[in-house]
All heavy atoms as atom14 arrays in JSON, in Angstrom:
{
  "sequence": "VYNAVTSGRLAPWRAERIADLTHPLSAEAAAYVDRQLWDASGVGWAQL",
  "atom14_mask": [
    [1, 1, 1, 1, 1, 1, 1, 0, 0, 0, 0, 0, 0, 0],
    [1, 1, 1, 1, 1, 1, 1, 1, 1, 1, 1, 1, 0, 0],
    [1, 1, 1, 1, 1, 1, 1, 1, 0, 0, 0, 0, 0, 0],
    [1, 1, 1, 1, 1, 0, 0, 0, 0, 0, 0, 0, 0, 0],
    [1, 1, 1, 1, 1, 1, 1, 0, 0, 0, 0, 0, 0, 0],
    [1, 1, 1, 1, 1, 1, 1, 0, 0, 0, 0, 0, 0, 0],
    [1, 1, 1, 1, 1, 1, 0, 0, 0, 0, 0, 0, 0, 0],
    [1, 1, 1, 1, 0, 0, 0, 0, 0, 0, 0, 0, 0, 0],
    [1, 1, 1, 1, 1, 1, 1, 1, 1, 1, 1, 0, 0, 0],
    [1, 1, 1, 1, 1, 1, 1, 1, 0, 0, 0, 0, 0, 0],
    [1, 1, 1, 1, 1, 0, 0, 0, 0, 0, 0, 0, 0, 0],
    [1, 1, 1, 1, 1, 1, 1, 0, 0, 0, 0, 0, 0, 0],
    [1, 1, 1, 1, 1, 1, 1, 1, 1, 1, 1, 1, 1, 1],
    [1, 1, 1, 1, 1, 1, 1, 1, 1, 1, 1, 0, 0, 0],
    [1, 1, 1, 1, 1, 0, 0, 0, 0, 0, 0, 0, 0, 0],
    [1, 1, 1, 1, 1, 1, 1, 1, 1, 0, 0, 0, 0, 0],
    [1, 1, 1, 1, 1, 1, 1, 1, 1, 1, 1, 0, 0, 0],
    [1, 1, 1, 1, 1, 1, 1, 1, 0, 0, 0, 0, 0, 0],
    [1, 1, 1, 1, 1, 0, 0, 0, 0, 0, 0, 0, 0, 0],
    [1, 1, 1, 1, 1, 1, 1, 1, 0, 0, 0, 0, 0, 0],
    [1, 1, 1, 1, 1, 1, 1, 1, 0, 0, 0, 0, 0, 0],
    [1, 1, 1, 1, 1, 1, 1, 0, 0, 0, 0, 0, 0, 0],
    [1, 1, 1, 1, 1, 1, 1, 1, 1, 1, 0, 0, 0, 0],
    [1, 1, 1, 1, 1, 1, 1, 0, 0, 0, 0, 0, 0, 0],
    [1, 1, 1, 1, 1, 1, 1, 1, 0, 0, 0, 0, 0, 0],
    [1, 1, 1, 1, 1, 1, 0, 0, 0, 0, 0, 0, 0, 0],
    [1, 1, 1, 1, 1, 0, 0, 0, 0, 0, 0, 0, 0, 0],
    [1, 1, 1, 1, 1, 1, 1, 1, 1, 0, 0, 0, 0, 0],
    [1, 1, 1, 1, 1, 0, 0, 0, 0, 0, 0, 0, 0, 0],
    [1, 1, 1, 1, 1, 0, 0, 0, 0, 0, 0, 0, 0, 0],
    [1, 1, 1, 1, 1, 0, 0, 0, 0, 0, 0, 0, 0, 0],
    [1, 1, 1, 1, 1, 1, 1, 1, 1, 1, 1, 1, 0, 0],
    [1, 1, 1, 1, 1, 1, 1, 0, 0, 0, 0, 0, 0, 0],
    [1, 1, 1, 1, 1, 1, 1, 1, 0, 0, 0, 0, 0, 0],
    [1, 1, 1, 1, 1, 1, 1, 1, 1, 1, 1, 0, 0, 0],
    [1, 1, 1, 1, 1, 1, 1, 1, 1, 0, 0, 0, 0, 0],
    [1, 1, 1, 1, 1, 1, 1, 1, 0, 0, 0, 0, 0, 0],
    [1, 1, 1, 1, 1, 1, 1, 1, 1, 1, 1, 1, 1, 1],
    [1, 1, 1, 1, 1, 1, 1, 1, 0, 0, 0, 0, 0, 0],
    [1, 1, 1, 1, 1, 0, 0, 0, 0, 0, 0, 0, 0, 0],
    [1, 1, 1, 1, 1, 1, 0, 0, 0, 0, 0, 0, 0, 0],
    [1, 1, 1, 1, 0, 0, 0, 0, 0, 0, 0, 0, 0, 0],
    [1, 1, 1, 1, 1, 1, 1, 0, 0, 0, 0, 0, 0, 0],
    [1, 1, 1, 1, 0, 0, 0, 0, 0, 0, 0, 0, 0, 0],
    [1, 1, 1, 1, 1, 1, 1, 1, 1, 1, 1, 1, 1, 1],
    [1, 1, 1, 1, 1, 0, 0, 0, 0, 0, 0, 0, 0, 0],
    [1, 1, 1, 1, 1, 1, 1, 1, 1, 0, 0, 0, 0, 0],
    [1, 1, 1, 1, 1, 1, 1, 1, 0, 0, 0, 0, 0, 0]
  ],
  "atom14_positions": [
    [[108.13, 89.51, 91.77], [108.38, 88.59, 92.88], [108.96, 87.26, 92.34], [109.94, 86.75, 92.91], [107.1, 88.31, 93.68], [107.21, 87.17, 94.74], [106.62, 89.55, 94.32], [0.0, 0.0, 0.0], [0.0, 0.0, 0.0], [0.0, 0.0, 0.0], [0.0, 0.0, 0.0], [0.0, 0.0, 0.0], [0.0, 0.0, 0.0], [0.0, 0.0, 0.0]],
    [[108.41, 86.8, 91.32], [108.94, 85.53, 90.76], [110.4, 85.66, 90.18], [111.24, 84.76, 90.49], [108.03, 85.04, 89.53], [108.45, 83.72, 88.95], [108.14, 82.57, 89.57], [109.08, 83.73, 87.72], [108.48, 81.35, 89.13], [109.43, 82.45, 87.23], [109.12, 81.29, 87.84], [109.45, 80.14, 87.41], [0.0, 0.0, 0.0], [0.0, 0.0, 0.0]],
    [[110.69, 86.8, 89.6], [112.09, 86.97, 89.19], [113.03, 87.14, 90.38], [114.2, 86.61, 90.34], [112.19, 88.2, 88.32], [111.54, 88.14, 86.95], [111.44, 87.01, 86.51], [111.17, 89.21, 86.34], [0.0, 0.0, 0.0], [0.0, 0.0, 0.0], [0.0, 0.0, 0.0], [0.0, 0.0, 0.0], [0.0, 0.0, 0.0], [0.0, 0.0, 0.0]],
    [[112.6, 87.64, 91.51], [113.41, 87.74, 92.64], [113.65, 86.37, 93.26], [114.71, 86.12, 93.73], [112.67, 88.64, 93.74], [0.0, 0.0, 0.0], [0.0, 0.0, 0.0], [0.0, 0.0, 0.0], [0.0, 0.0, 0.0], [0.0, 0.0, 0.0], [0.0, 0.0, 0.0], [0.0, 0.0, 0.0], [0.0, 0.0, 0.0], [0.0, 0.0, 0.0]],
    [[112.66, 85.47, 93.08], [112.9, 84.07, 93.57], [113.86, 83.34, 92.65], [114.84, 82.74, 93.11], [111.57, 83.35, 93.61], [111.78, 81.8, 93.88], [110.55, 83.87, 94.72], [0.0, 0.0, 0.0], [0.0, 0.0, 0.0], [0.0, 0.0, 0.0], [0.0, 0.0, 0.0], [0.0, 0.0, 0.0], [0.0, 0.0, 0.0], [0.0, 0.0, 0.0]],
    [[113.73, 83.46, 91.42], [114.52, 82.65, 90.4], [115.92, 83.22, 90.37], [116.91, 82.55, 90.05], [113.95, 82.69, 89.05], [113.79, 84.05, 88.53], [112.62, 81.93, 88.94], [0.0, 0.0, 0.0], [0.0, 0.0, 0.0], [0.0, 0.0, 0.0], [0.0, 0.0, 0.0], [0.0, 0.0, 0.0], [0.0, 0.0, 0.0], [0.0, 0.0, 0.0]],
    [[116.17, 84.49, 90.71], [117.45, 85.08, 90.83], [118.15, 84.94, 92.07], [119.39, 85.31, 92.33], [117.41, 86.59, 90.46], [116.68, 87.34, 91.44], [0.0, 0.0, 0.0], [0.0, 0.0, 0.0], [0.0, 0.0, 0.0], [0.0, 0.0, 0.0], [0.0, 0.0, 0.0], [0.0, 0.0, 0.0], [0.0, 0.0, 0.0], [0.0, 0.0, 0.0]],
    [[117.51, 84.31, 93.08], [118.04, 84.07, 94.37], [118.02, 85.23, 95.38], [118.57, 85.2, 96.49], [0.0, 0.0, 0.0], [0.0, 0.0, 0.0], [0.0, 0.0, 0.0], [0.0, 0.0, 0.0], [0.0, 0.0, 0.0], [0.0, 0.0, 0.0], [0.0, 0.0, 0.0], [0.0, 0.0, 0.0], [0.0, 0.0, 0.0], [0.0, 0.0, 0.0]],
    [[117.22, 86.26, 95.05], [117.17, 87.45, 95.92], [116.04, 87.33, 96.85], [116.01, 88.12, 97.97], [116.93, 88.71, 95.09], [118.07, 89.1, 94.23], [117.9, 90.39, 93.47], [116.86, 90.31, 92.41], [115.7, 90.76, 92.43], [115.29, 91.49, 93.54], [114.82, 90.66, 91.46], [0.0, 0.0, 0.0], [0.0, 0.0, 0.0], [0.0, 0.0, 0.0]],
    [[115.11, 86.43, 96.75], [114.0, 86.21, 97.67], [113.71, 84.78, 97.94], [113.67, 83.93, 96.99], [112.72, 86.88, 97.02], [111.4, 86.82, 97.87], [111.61, 87.67, 99.06], [110.16, 87.23, 97.04], [0.0, 0.0, 0.0], [0.0, 0.0, 0.0], [0.0, 0.0, 0.0], [0.0, 0.0, 0.0], [0.0, 0.0, 0.0], [0.0, 0.0, 0.0]],
    [[113.75, 84.38, 99.2], [113.49, 83.03, 99.62], [112.08, 82.51, 99.07], [111.08, 83.31, 99.24], [113.61, 82.8, 101.08], [0.0, 0.0, 0.0], [0.0, 0.0, 0.0], [0.0, 0.0, 0.0], [0.0, 0.0, 0.0], [0.0, 0.0, 0.0], [0.0, 0.0, 0.0], [0.0, 0.0, 0.0], [0.0, 0.0, 0.0], [0.0, 0.0, 0.0]],
    [[112.0, 81.37, 98.51], [110.61, 80.93, 98.07], [109.51, 80.95, 99.06], [108.31, 81.28, 98.76], [110.89, 79.46, 97.52], [112.34, 79.47, 97.13], [113.09, 80.38, 98.2], [0.0, 0.0, 0.0], [0.0, 0.0, 0.0], [0.0, 0.0, 0.0], [0.0, 0.0, 0.0], [0.0, 0.0, 0.0], [0.0, 0.0, 0.0], [0.0, 0.0, 0.0]],
    [[109.83, 80.69, 100.33], [108.82, 80.7, 101.38], [108.28, 82.0, 101.67], [107.09, 82.24, 101.86], [109.3, 80.04, 102.64], [110.33, 80.89, 103.4], [111.69, 80.76, 103.3], [110.12, 81.86, 104.43], [112.26, 81.61, 104.14], [111.4, 82.29, 104.78], [108.96, 82.35, 104.99], [111.53, 83.29, 105.75], [109.11, 83.45, 105.94], [110.4, 83.82, 106.36]],
    [[109.11, 83.1, 101.45], [108.62, 84.42, 101.51], [107.68, 84.77, 100.37], [106.63, 85.49, 100.54], [109.78, 85.38, 101.59], [110.64, 85.45, 102.83], [111.69, 86.43, 102.9], [112.4, 86.51, 104.13], [112.03, 87.23, 105.23], [111.06, 88.0, 105.15], [112.77, 87.22, 106.29], [0.0, 0.0, 0.0], [0.0, 0.0, 0.0], [0.0, 0.0, 0.0]],
    [[108.1, 84.35, 99.17], [107.27, 84.63, 97.96], [105.8, 83.94, 98.19], [104.84, 84.48, 97.74], [107.88, 84.06, 96.79], [0.0, 0.0, 0.0], [0.0, 0.0, 0.0], [0.0, 0.0, 0.0], [0.0, 0.0, 0.0], [0.0, 0.0, 0.0], [0.0, 0.0, 0.0], [0.0, 0.0, 0.0], [0.0, 0.0, 0.0], [0.0, 0.0, 0.0]],
    [[105.85, 82.75, 98.77], [104.57, 82.04, 99.01], [103.64, 82.89, 99.98], [102.42, 82.92, 99.79], [104.84, 80.7, 99.64], [105.34, 79.66, 98.69], [105.37, 78.2, 99.3], [104.31, 77.82, 99.75], [106.48, 77.62, 99.25], [0.0, 0.0, 0.0], [0.0, 0.0, 0.0], [0.0, 0.0, 0.0], [0.0, 0.0, 0.0], [0.0, 0.0, 0.0]],
    [[104.27, 83.52, 100.97], [103.44, 84.32, 101.87], [102.94, 85.56, 101.11], [101.75, 85.92, 101.33], [104.38, 84.86, 103.05], [103.7, 85.86, 103.89], [102.6, 85.23, 104.78], [101.94, 86.21, 105.6], [102.43, 86.6, 106.84], [103.47, 85.97, 107.33], [101.74, 87.54, 107.56], [0.0, 0.0, 0.0], [0.0, 0.0, 0.0], [0.0, 0.0, 0.0]],
    [[103.66, 86.1, 100.27], [103.21, 87.23, 99.4], [102.09, 86.76, 98.47], [100.97, 87.42, 98.45], [104.33, 87.85, 98.58], [105.37, 88.47, 99.51], [103.77, 88.85, 97.61], [106.66, 88.87, 98.79], [0.0, 0.0, 0.0], [0.0, 0.0, 0.0], [0.0, 0.0, 0.0], [0.0, 0.0, 0.0], [0.0, 0.0, 0.0], [0.0, 0.0, 0.0]],
    [[102.18, 85.59, 97.94], [101.15, 85.06, 97.03], [99.9, 84.84, 97.86], [98.72, 84.96, 97.22], [101.67, 83.7, 96.3], [0.0, 0.0, 0.0], [0.0, 0.0, 0.0], [0.0, 0.0, 0.0], [0.0, 0.0, 0.0], [0.0, 0.0, 0.0], [0.0, 0.0, 0.0], [0.0, 0.0, 0.0], [0.0, 0.0, 0.0], [0.0, 0.0, 0.0]],
    [[99.96, 84.32, 99.05], [98.73, 84.18, 99.84], [97.98, 85.42, 100.06], [96.75, 85.51, 99.98], [99.05, 83.58, 101.22], [99.4, 82.08, 101.13], [98.87, 81.47, 100.29], [100.02, 81.56, 101.97], [0.0, 0.0, 0.0], [0.0, 0.0, 0.0], [0.0, 0.0, 0.0], [0.0, 0.0, 0.0], [0.0, 0.0, 0.0], [0.0, 0.0, 0.0]],
    [[98.64, 86.57, 100.16], [98.02, 87.82, 100.42], [97.41, 88.41, 99.12], [96.42, 89.16, 99.2], [99.0, 88.82, 101.02], [99.49, 88.45, 102.47], [100.53, 89.46, 102.91], [98.3, 88.55, 103.44], [0.0, 0.0, 0.0], [0.0, 0.0, 0.0], [0.0, 0.0, 0.0], [0.0, 0.0, 0.0], [0.0, 0.0, 0.0], [0.0, 0.0, 0.0]],
    [[98.09, 88.17, 97.98], [97.64, 88.79, 96.72], [96.62, 87.92, 96.04], [95.94, 88.43, 95.15], [98.82, 89.11, 95.81], [99.43, 87.75, 95.46], [99.83, 90.0, 96.45], [0.0, 0.0, 0.0], [0.0, 0.0, 0.0], [0.0, 0.0, 0.0], [0.0, 0.0, 0.0], [0.0, 0.0, 0.0], [0.0, 0.0, 0.0], [0.0, 0.0, 0.0]],
    [[96.44, 86.71, 96.39], [95.54, 85.78, 95.72], [94.11, 86.36, 95.52], [93.53, 86.3, 94.41], [95.5, 84.48, 96.46], [94.69, 83.37, 95.72], [95.22, 82.07, 95.48], [93.5, 83.4, 95.16], [94.27, 81.35, 94.91], [93.2, 82.12, 94.68], [0.0, 0.0, 0.0], [0.0, 0.0, 0.0], [0.0, 0.0, 0.0], [0.0, 0.0, 0.0]],
    [[93.52, 87.0, 96.57], [92.16, 87.46, 96.35], [92.07, 88.83, 95.62], [90.94, 89.24, 95.43], [91.61, 87.5, 97.8], [92.83, 87.78, 98.6], [93.97, 87.06, 98.0], [0.0, 0.0, 0.0], [0.0, 0.0, 0.0], [0.0, 0.0, 0.0], [0.0, 0.0, 0.0], [0.0, 0.0, 0.0], [0.0, 0.0, 0.0], [0.0, 0.0, 0.0]],
    [[93.21, 89.39, 95.31], [93.09, 90.75, 94.76], [92.75, 90.71, 93.27], [93.05, 89.74, 92.54], [94.5, 91.39, 94.86], [95.03, 91.6, 96.29], [96.32, 92.42, 96.25], [93.99, 92.29, 97.27], [0.0, 0.0, 0.0], [0.0, 0.0, 0.0], [0.0, 0.0, 0.0], [0.0, 0.0, 0.0], [0.0, 0.0, 0.0], [0.0, 0.0, 0.0]],
    [[92.27, 91.79, 92.8], [92.07, 91.95, 91.38], [93.43, 92.02, 90.57], [94.4, 92.2, 91.25], [91.24, 93.16, 91.02], [92.11, 94.34, 91.38], [0.0, 0.0, 0.0], [0.0, 0.0, 0.0], [0.0, 0.0, 0.0], [0.0, 0.0, 0.0], [0.0, 0.0, 0.0], [0.0, 0.0, 0.0], [0.0, 0.0, 0.0], [0.0, 0.0, 0.0]],
    [[93.3, 91.75, 89.27], [94.6, 91.71, 88.49], [95.24, 93.13, 88.66], [96.52, 93.18, 88.83], [94.33, 91.47, 87.15], [0.0, 0.0, 0.0], [0.0, 0.0, 0.0], [0.0, 0.0, 0.0], [0.0, 0.0, 0.0], [0.0, 0.0, 0.0], [0.0, 0.0, 0.0], [0.0, 0.0, 0.0], [0.0, 0.0, 0.0], [0.0, 0.0, 0.0]],
    [[94.52, 94.24, 88.61], [95.21, 95.51, 88.76], [95.79, 95.71, 90.12], [96.87, 96.27, 90.2], [94.1, 96.63, 88.51], [93.55, 96.66, 87.13], [92.42, 95.67, 86.87], [92.11, 94.89, 87.91], [91.95, 95.5, 85.76], [0.0, 0.0, 0.0], [0.0, 0.0, 0.0], [0.0, 0.0, 0.0], [0.0, 0.0, 0.0], [0.0, 0.0, 0.0]],
    [[95.06, 95.28, 91.15], [95.63, 95.49, 92.51], [96.84, 94.59, 92.69], [97.88, 94.98, 93.34], [94.57, 95.19, 93.63], [0.0, 0.0, 0.0], [0.0, 0.0, 0.0], [0.0, 0.0, 0.0], [0.0, 0.0, 0.0], [0.0, 0.0, 0.0], [0.0, 0.0, 0.0], [0.0, 0.0, 0.0], [0.0, 0.0, 0.0], [0.0, 0.0, 0.0]],
    [[96.88, 93.35, 92.23], [97.99, 92.44, 92.32], [99.28, 93.06, 91.61], [100.4, 92.99, 92.11], [97.69, 91.13, 91.79], [0.0, 0.0, 0.0], [0.0, 0.0, 0.0], [0.0, 0.0, 0.0], [0.0, 0.0, 0.0], [0.0, 0.0, 0.0], [0.0, 0.0, 0.0], [0.0, 0.0, 0.0], [0.0, 0.0, 0.0], [0.0, 0.0, 0.0]],
    [[99.02, 93.59, 90.37], [100.09, 94.29, 89.63], [100.61, 95.45, 90.39], [101.86, 95.69, 90.37], [99.56, 94.63, 88.28], [0.0, 0.0, 0.0], [0.0, 0.0, 0.0], [0.0, 0.0, 0.0], [0.0, 0.0, 0.0], [0.0, 0.0, 0.0], [0.0, 0.0, 0.0], [0.0, 0.0, 0.0], [0.0, 0.0, 0.0], [0.0, 0.0, 0.0]],
    [[99.76, 96.25, 91.02], [100.27, 97.39, 91.88], [101.16, 96.89, 92.94], [102.25, 97.43, 93.2], [99.08, 98.11, 92.39], [99.42, 99.19, 93.35], [99.95, 100.35, 92.99], [99.31, 98.93, 94.76], [100.31, 101.37, 93.88], [99.7, 99.94, 95.72], [100.14, 101.15, 95.25], [100.55, 102.15, 96.18], [0.0, 0.0, 0.0], [0.0, 0.0, 0.0]],
    [[100.78, 95.84, 93.64], [101.61, 95.24, 94.76], [102.97, 94.81, 94.24], [103.98, 95.06, 94.84], [100.85, 94.14, 95.49], [101.76, 93.49, 96.51], [99.61, 94.67, 96.26], [0.0, 0.0, 0.0], [0.0, 0.0, 0.0], [0.0, 0.0, 0.0], [0.0, 0.0, 0.0], [0.0, 0.0, 0.0], [0.0, 0.0, 0.0], [0.0, 0.0, 0.0]],
    [[102.85, 94.06, 93.1], [104.01, 93.52, 92.55], [105.06, 94.64, 92.11], [106.25, 94.46, 92.3], [103.79, 92.68, 91.24], [104.92, 91.99, 90.69], [105.6, 91.27, 91.4], [105.16, 92.16, 89.43], [0.0, 0.0, 0.0], [0.0, 0.0, 0.0], [0.0, 0.0, 0.0], [0.0, 0.0, 0.0], [0.0, 0.0, 0.0], [0.0, 0.0, 0.0]],
    [[104.45, 95.77, 91.53], [105.4, 96.84, 91.24], [106.14, 97.45, 92.38], [107.34, 97.94, 92.33], [104.63, 97.99, 90.45], [104.18, 97.55, 89.01], [103.74, 98.81, 88.25], [102.6, 99.43, 88.94], [101.27, 99.14, 88.66], [101.02, 98.19, 87.83], [100.33, 99.82, 89.29], [0.0, 0.0, 0.0], [0.0, 0.0, 0.0], [0.0, 0.0, 0.0]],
    [[105.49, 97.46, 93.51], [106.11, 97.92, 94.72], [107.14, 97.01, 95.33], [107.87, 97.35, 96.25], [105.06, 98.26, 95.77], [103.84, 99.03, 95.3], [104.29, 100.37, 94.64], [105.05, 101.08, 95.08], [103.66, 100.58, 93.4], [0.0, 0.0, 0.0], [0.0, 0.0, 0.0], [0.0, 0.0, 0.0], [0.0, 0.0, 0.0], [0.0, 0.0, 0.0]],
    [[107.11, 95.72, 94.85], [107.96, 94.75, 95.49], [109.04, 94.25, 94.54], [109.5, 93.07, 94.58], [107.09, 93.52, 95.84], [105.99, 93.73, 96.92], [105.24, 92.42, 97.11], [106.69, 94.1, 98.25], [0.0, 0.0, 0.0], [0.0, 0.0, 0.0], [0.0, 0.0, 0.0], [0.0, 0.0, 0.0], [0.0, 0.0, 0.0], [0.0, 0.0, 0.0]],
    [[109.56, 95.25, 93.66], [110.59, 94.9, 92.78], [111.84, 94.41, 93.55], [112.7, 93.68, 93.08], [110.99, 96.04, 91.85], [111.51, 97.2, 92.63], [110.82, 98.25, 93.14], [112.82, 97.49, 92.88], [111.61, 99.08, 93.74], [112.9, 98.71, 93.63], [114.13, 96.84, 92.62], [114.18, 99.3, 94.07], [115.27, 97.48, 92.96], [115.32, 98.66, 93.68]],
    [[111.98, 94.82, 94.81], [113.07, 94.35, 95.73], [112.47, 93.89, 96.95], [112.53, 94.52, 98.06], [114.06, 95.49, 95.94], [115.31, 94.96, 96.84], [115.41, 93.68, 96.9], [116.02, 95.81, 97.4], [0.0, 0.0, 0.0], [0.0, 0.0, 0.0], [0.0, 0.0, 0.0], [0.0, 0.0, 0.0], [0.0, 0.0, 0.0], [0.0, 0.0, 0.0]],
    [[111.62, 92.72, 96.77], [110.83, 92.28, 97.97], [111.6, 91.82, 99.09], [110.97, 91.64, 100.2], [109.87, 91.29, 97.39], [0.0, 0.0, 0.0], [0.0, 0.0, 0.0], [0.0, 0.0, 0.0], [0.0, 0.0, 0.0], [0.0, 0.0, 0.0], [0.0, 0.0, 0.0], [0.0, 0.0, 0.0], [0.0, 0.0, 0.0], [0.0, 0.0, 0.0]],
    [[112.83, 91.49, 99.02], [113.62, 90.94, 100.07], [113.62, 91.8, 101.34], [113.8, 91.29, 102.44], [114.97, 90.54, 99.66], [115.7, 91.74, 99.25], [0.0, 0.0, 0.0], [0.0, 0.0, 0.0], [0.0, 0.0, 0.0], [0.0, 0.0, 0.0], [0.0, 0.0, 0.0], [0.0, 0.0, 0.0], [0.0, 0.0, 0.0], [0.0, 0.0, 0.0]],
    [[113.43, 93.07, 101.19], [113.58, 94.01, 102.31], [112.21, 94.39, 102.95], [112.14, 95.26, 103.85], [0.0, 0.0, 0.0], [0.0, 0.0, 0.0], [0.0, 0.0, 0.0], [0.0, 0.0, 0.0], [0.0, 0.0, 0.0], [0.0, 0.0, 0.0], [0.0, 0.0, 0.0], [0.0, 0.0, 0.0], [0.0, 0.0, 0.0], [0.0, 0.0, 0.0]],
    [[111.07, 93.82, 102.41], [109.77, 94.2, 102.94], [109.33, 93.32, 104.12], [109.38, 92.14, 103.99], [108.74, 94.03, 101.76], [107.36, 94.38, 102.22], [109.2, 94.96, 100.63], [0.0, 0.0, 0.0], [0.0, 0.0, 0.0], [0.0, 0.0, 0.0], [0.0, 0.0, 0.0], [0.0, 0.0, 0.0], [0.0, 0.0, 0.0], [0.0, 0.0, 0.0]],
    [[108.96, 93.96, 105.25], [108.47, 93.23, 106.43], [106.99, 92.84, 106.19], [106.32, 93.35, 105.34], [0.0, 0.0, 0.0], [0.0, 0.0, 0.0], [0.0, 0.0, 0.0], [0.0, 0.0, 0.0], [0.0, 0.0, 0.0], [0.0, 0.0, 0.0], [0.0, 0.0, 0.0], [0.0, 0.0, 0.0], [0.0, 0.0, 0.0], [0.0, 0.0, 0.0]],
    [[106.54, 91.97, 107.01], [105.23, 91.42, 106.95], [104.19, 92.56, 107.21], [103.15, 92.66, 106.46], [104.94, 90.22, 107.84], [105.81, 89.13, 107.49], [106.53, 88.4, 108.38], [106.1, 88.49, 106.29], [107.28, 87.32, 107.75], [106.95, 87.45, 106.48], [105.62, 88.79, 105.0], [107.38, 86.68, 105.46], [106.04, 88.03, 103.93], [106.95, 86.87, 104.14]],
    [[104.35, 93.32, 108.24], [103.37, 94.43, 108.5], [103.37, 95.49, 107.31], [102.25, 95.8, 106.9], [103.81, 95.17, 109.8], [0.0, 0.0, 0.0], [0.0, 0.0, 0.0], [0.0, 0.0, 0.0], [0.0, 0.0, 0.0], [0.0, 0.0, 0.0], [0.0, 0.0, 0.0], [0.0, 0.0, 0.0], [0.0, 0.0, 0.0], [0.0, 0.0, 0.0]],
    [[104.54, 95.73, 106.81], [104.5, 96.64, 105.57], [103.76, 96.09, 104.4], [103.09, 96.76, 103.77], [105.98, 97.03, 105.24], [105.99, 97.9, 104.05], [107.52, 98.25, 103.72], [108.4, 97.76, 104.37], [107.74, 98.98, 102.66], [0.0, 0.0, 0.0], [0.0, 0.0, 0.0], [0.0, 0.0, 0.0], [0.0, 0.0, 0.0], [0.0, 0.0, 0.0]],
    [[103.94, 94.75, 104.26], [103.32, 94.07, 103.09], [101.82, 94.05, 103.31], [101.02, 94.35, 102.31], [103.9, 92.67, 103.02], [103.2, 91.75, 102.03], [103.44, 92.26, 100.58], [103.77, 90.34, 102.11], [0.0, 0.0, 0.0], [0.0, 0.0, 0.0], [0.0, 0.0, 0.0], [0.0, 0.0, 0.0], [0.0, 0.0, 0.0], [0.0, 0.0, 0.0]]
  ]
}
C-alpha cells in the first residue's frame, strides 16, 4: 500500500482508510491484507 502511494497509484486518503481498518489486526493478518492489495487502487470499500 505504501509503495502504491509513493508511486502515485493510490491516493493518500485511500491508504489512510485502509490503515484504519488494518490497525487492530495482527501482523500476520495485516500482511495478508497487504498482499491482496498490491494494486489497491481498484479495491472498493465493501470488498476491503
